[in-house]
């Protein structure tokens, strides 16, 4: 089973939606053992474009939801395994951080989306209240984290930091 959640909203949604209509490839990101047990599958598939600088590199065009350690627009290399392109390595970090969110109360969604827009974040999701958030480089990651912590403390969401960029 794979998980892919379509472009939801945010400043870069128009770019993502346009790319989805062009030639894109699916690539597989392996889940950790703990996440395999949590989600019930071993890989998450995401859309990627071929990197213009090297044909053997791909750019992640989705925000990874289930897998940890990857960011939106990271550049990766892949190897072929069992008929799937599987990520072998991250060759260039985009600077985006990734946060996984589960909406526990409907009211949280409005607050969260309004705040994320203000921070310039991207997000995808919606199935069963599951969202993936991409925090862009140069954005106040600490401020976004504080928002998530406050919403979690209020019992409105549950979240985890899936990838923290150094940028």
Foldseek 3Di string as FASTA:
>chain_A
DADDFQFDDFDCSVVLVVVVVPDWFKAWEAADPVLCVVPVHGTYIFIWDQDPVDRQKTFGSGADARHFDAAHRFIFGFDDDPNHTYTDGGPGHQQKWKKKKAFPDPVVVVVLVVVCNVQRKTKTDDVNRIMMIIRHHPGPPVVNVVVQVVCVVVVGMDMDGRGHGPD
